[in-house]
Amino acid sequence: MADTDFRARIRSWLAERLGGGFAALRGLGGPGREHEAFEERVAWEKELAAGGWNCLGWPAEYGGQGASFEQQVIFHEEYARADAPARVGHVGQELLGPTLLAFGTAEQKRRFLPRIVAVEQLWCQGYSEPGAGSDLAAVSTSARLEGDEWVISGQKVWTSLAHVADWCFVLARTEPGSKRHHGLSYLLVPMRQSGVDVRPIRQMTGTSEFNEVFFSRARTAKDLVVGEPGDGWRIAMGTLAFERGVATLGQQVGFRRELEALTELAEKSGADADPFVAERIDRAWVGLEVMRAHAVRALGDTAPGAASVAKLVWSDWHRSLGELAMLVRGAAGMVAPDGFDAWQRLYLFSRADTIYGGSNEIQRNIIAERVLGLPREARA
């Protein structure tokens, strides 16, 4: 199918479905707002699955369409332009699914991929720990084989949507005495068992999409390790590379909508009469175009540092947009008598953009060491 026909088909499908019973979901969900109409958004995502729109790039045997990069970009762009609700199955569809396609066994693919496509299982990511956030190699959560099961003990933190997830992919240390990148394994762990305790973390936005997760001799089957035991670091890095794939183009359409709305607000309020504010708005538009050009150029780029550059570009830009929103709002942005409005929530949550998914400091170290060949940062 020609890309123009593909774009027309998805645009028509979204207009029809979002003009009907799902119309009230437009614009709901997303970072800092995952609590909004969650069950209704699950139903919407199942509607997408029924229409064949989930996991487009996956092979047809696992429920995808084998769509090209270009078609996947078109879908994410049109999805964002339609102001469709934020996806609830993102972690499974954009992170775990591609990881299993690249590294999983045939049985793992048959077992999990069709259920991810059908939105029958939701996933979360068990990476960060209290002592291993951006320094992921410091993971201390352990897993030991007892018979035919891995027995997992430890704590994860900042685990997005763990409170609604059915499964978690967990980076755990499976070789006693191992350090740093060695001796880690990538395990698939069921969340709904007595050995898993999920405790939501209330954020300054008032929402609780992040969680602490405690594993107290939680169990999973011996064969639910992705790759070989001890090869977890390579698999985990593969997942992080998939995290910054074609979906980021759709994310940028959302960014554009935010900037358009903020520009309109500045014009109506007269805030853009201030040359400093006007210059910041102009710079934001330029930055958005640079971001898109870089993202298009970097699609499919697996070179060391490519994902880190992308993370730096979008996270710095979006955090600056939150700051610009407060500048445009002026004194009114400093008070919230009836709860946070959309601009205040954007400002507060965007402070986390440069931290989650690997802090910007760590991304700069990766670029310096792996791309530029500079000496490693001294460690205490």
Foldseek 3Di string as FASTA:
>chain_A
DDLVVLLVVLLVVLCVVCVPPVVVQQQADDFPGPVPPVVSLLVVLLVCLVVQNALQCDDVVLSHVVDDLSSLLSNLQSCLVSSHHDHQQCCVRQFVLVLCVVFNDPVVSVVPRNCSSNSVFHEKEFFADPVPFLQRQQAAWAWEDDDFKTFTFDKGWQIFQLVPGQKYFHWHAYDPPDGGLWRIWTFIFGQPDPQKDWAFDQDPLRDTRIIMIGGDRGIDGNSRIGHDGGNHSVSVVVSLVSNLASSVSSVLSNVVVLLVVLVVLLVVVVVCVPVVLVVLSVVLVVLSVVLNVLRVVCHVPPAFLSSLVNLVSPLVSQLSSLVSSCSSCDPVLVDDPPHHDPSVSSNRSSVCSCRHSRHNVSSVQRCCCRPVVDDHDDDD
